[in-house]
Structure formats: structure tokens, C-alpha cells
């Protein structure tokens, strides 16, 4: 895992932790699939609604932030909230 890939995980963690009630339960698993990096975000069940937001707007915003950073690095990224 390169330093740029770690930067994407750190960015996602920085964005998500302040939004949840239980920051210790936030985990991010990175899966490399060829040219695409998949970041699997897991939060406590009680915090799932806080991450997704009304009509998925907060989830879309989180994905847009991480995607913008990855695009600057010439990579593709997918954020899965599981």
C-alpha cells in the first residue's frame, strides 16, 4: 500500500469520525481491484443514518470528497458504506 492510498484512508477517516457518536467503531478496509481502490467503511449500526444522511446526501458528499482527492492522484476510488 502506497503513501497516496493511505492518504485516502486518512482523509475518509478525518471526514467520518466527527459525524458519528462512536468514533472508535469506525473501520476502513481497503481492497485494491486493479486500477480501482475500494474503501469499505464500517460504522456502528446506530451511526449508519448519520453517515448516509437524508436521501443519501451526506454519503454522496463523502464520496465526492474522497473521489476528488483520488482524481488528483490519478486513481479511481469507490467508497462502500457497509
C-alpha atoms as a PDB file:
ATOM      1  CA  UNK A   1       0.000   0.000   0.000  1.00  0.00           C
ATOM      2  CA  UNK A   2       1.484   3.297  -1.080  1.00  0.00           C
ATOM      3  CA  UNK A   3       1.501   6.563   0.793  1.00  0.00           C
ATOM      4  CA  UNK A   4      -1.171   8.014  -1.530  1.00  0.00           C
ATOM      5  CA  UNK A   5      -3.505   5.092  -0.768  1.00  0.00           C
ATOM      6  CA  UNK A   6      -3.006   5.638   2.952  1.00  0.00           C
ATOM      7  CA  UNK A   7      -3.793   9.318   2.435  1.00  0.00           C
ATOM      8  CA  UNK A   8      -7.206   8.369   1.004  1.00  0.00           C
ATOM      9  CA  UNK A   9      -7.978   6.220   4.064  1.00  0.00           C
ATOM     10  CA  UNK A  10      -6.833   9.020   6.373  1.00  0.00           C
ATOM     11  CA  UNK A  11      -8.984  11.558   4.522  1.00  0.00           C
ATOM     12  CA  UNK A  12     -12.048   9.326   4.796  1.00  0.00           C
ATOM     13  CA  UNK A  13     -11.398   8.758   8.499  1.00  0.00           C
ATOM     14  CA  UNK A  14     -10.962  12.507   9.062  1.00  0.00           C
ATOM     15  CA  UNK A  15     -14.291  13.236   7.376  1.00  0.00           C
ATOM     16  CA  UNK A  16     -16.293  10.450   9.044  1.00  0.00           C
ATOM     17  CA  UNK A  17     -15.113  10.479  12.674  1.00  0.00           C
ATOM     18  CA  UNK A  18     -16.672  13.838  13.667  1.00  0.00           C
ATOM     19  CA  UNK A  19     -20.039  12.746  12.241  1.00  0.00           C
ATOM     20  CA  UNK A  20     -20.553   9.632  14.384  1.00  0.00           C
ATOM     21  CA  UNK A  21     -21.375   9.088  18.051  1.00  0.00           C
ATOM     22  CA  UNK A  22     -18.888   6.215  18.420  1.00  0.00           C
ATOM     23  CA  UNK A  23     -15.674   7.180  16.574  1.00  0.00           C
ATOM     24  CA  UNK A  24     -13.833   4.137  17.957  1.00  0.00           C
ATOM     25  CA  UNK A  25     -16.097   1.813  15.965  1.00  0.00           C
ATOM     26  CA  UNK A  26     -15.193   3.362  12.593  1.00  0.00           C
ATOM     27  CA  UNK A  27     -13.107   0.985  10.477  1.00  0.00           C
ATOM     28  CA  UNK A  28     -11.957   1.287   6.895  1.00  0.00           C
ATOM     29  CA  UNK A  29     -10.849  -1.736   4.896  1.00  0.00           C
ATOM     30  CA  UNK A  30      -9.016  -1.099   1.634  1.00  0.00           C
ATOM     31  CA  UNK A  31      -9.351  -3.500  -1.290  1.00  0.00           C
ATOM     32  CA  UNK A  32      -7.283  -2.969  -4.433  1.00  0.00           C
ATOM     33  CA  UNK A  33      -9.055  -4.103  -7.601  1.00  0.00           C
ATOM     34  CA  UNK A  34      -6.740  -3.336 -10.478  1.00  0.00           C
ATOM     35  CA  UNK A  35      -6.904   0.390 -11.196  1.00  0.00           C
ATOM     36  CA  UNK A  36      -9.660   0.935  -8.639  1.00  0.00           C
ATOM     37  CA  UNK A  37      -9.341   1.281  -4.880  1.00  0.00           C
ATOM     38  CA  UNK A  38     -12.379   0.204  -2.864  1.00  0.00           C
ATOM     39  CA  UNK A  39     -12.671   1.671   0.630  1.00  0.00           C
ATOM     40  CA  UNK A  40     -15.155  -0.275   2.763  1.00  0.00           C
ATOM     41  CA  UNK A  41     -16.422   1.969   5.545  1.00  0.00           C
ATOM     42  CA  UNK A  42     -17.951   0.308   8.609  1.00  0.00           C
ATOM     43  CA  UNK A  43     -19.601   2.237  11.423  1.00  0.00           C
ATOM     44  CA  UNK A  44     -21.749   1.289  14.405  1.00  0.00           C
ATOM     45  CA  UNK A  45     -25.353   0.418  13.438  1.00  0.00           C
ATOM     46  CA  UNK A  46     -26.632   3.438  15.383  1.00  0.00           C
ATOM     47  CA  UNK A  47     -24.408   5.747  13.339  1.00  0.00           C
ATOM     48  CA  UNK A  48     -25.391   4.414   9.910  1.00  0.00           C
ATOM     49  CA  UNK A  49     -28.116   7.026   9.437  1.00  0.00           C
ATOM     50  CA  UNK A  50     -25.735   9.832  10.388  1.00  0.00           C
ATOM     51  CA  UNK A  51     -23.302   8.765   7.681  1.00  0.00           C
ATOM     52  CA  UNK A  52     -25.921   8.271   4.971  1.00  0.00           C
ATOM     53  CA  UNK A  53     -27.916  11.421   5.746  1.00  0.00           C
ATOM     54  CA  UNK A  54     -31.283  12.462   4.376  1.00  0.00           C
ATOM     55  CA  UNK A  55     -31.827  10.940   0.927  1.00  0.00           C
ATOM     56  CA  UNK A  56     -28.165   9.879   0.906  1.00  0.00           C
ATOM     57  CA  UNK A  57     -26.853  13.405   0.557  1.00  0.00           C
ATOM     58  CA  UNK A  58     -24.179  13.088   3.232  1.00  0.00           C
ATOM     59  CA  UNK A  59     -22.946   9.794   1.737  1.00  0.00           C
ATOM     60  CA  UNK A  60     -22.760  11.442  -1.696  1.00  0.00           C
ATOM     61  CA  UNK A  61     -20.765  14.337  -0.247  1.00  0.00           C
ATOM     62  CA  UNK A  62     -18.317  11.979   1.484  1.00  0.00           C
ATOM     63  CA  UNK A  63     -17.832  10.036  -1.743  1.00  0.00           C
ATOM     64  CA  UNK A  64     -17.308  13.264  -3.720  1.00  0.00           C
ATOM     65  CA  UNK A  65     -14.592  14.490  -1.330  1.00  0.00           C
ATOM     66  CA  UNK A  66     -12.647  11.218  -1.471  1.00  0.00           C
ATOM     67  CA  UNK A  67     -13.117  10.904  -5.233  1.00  0.00           C
ATOM     68  CA  UNK A  68     -11.779  14.441  -5.789  1.00  0.00           C
ATOM     69  CA  UNK A  69      -8.628  13.604  -3.830  1.00  0.00           C
ATOM     70  CA  UNK A  70      -8.150  10.338  -5.722  1.00  0.00           C
ATOM     71  CA  UNK A  71      -8.639  12.039  -9.087  1.00  0.00           C
ATOM     72  CA  UNK A  72      -5.846  14.478  -8.263  1.00  0.00           C
ATOM     73  CA  UNK A  73      -3.636  11.425  -7.678  1.00  0.00           C
ATOM     74  CA  UNK A  74      -4.743   9.816 -10.955  1.00  0.00           C
ATOM     75  CA  UNK A  75      -6.621   6.986  -9.245  1.00  0.00           C
ATOM     76  CA  UNK A  76     -10.190   5.682  -9.119  1.00  0.00           C
ATOM     77  CA  UNK A  77     -11.829   5.148  -5.763  1.00  0.00           C
ATOM     78  CA  UNK A  78     -15.130   3.680  -4.629  1.00  0.00           C
ATOM     79  CA  UNK A  79     -16.445   4.221  -1.088  1.00  0.00           C
ATOM     80  CA  UNK A  80     -18.728   1.424   0.097  1.00  0.00           C
ATOM     81  CA  UNK A  81     -20.676   2.022   3.283  1.00  0.00           C
ATOM     82  CA  UNK A  82     -21.320  -1.386   4.810  1.00  0.00           C
END
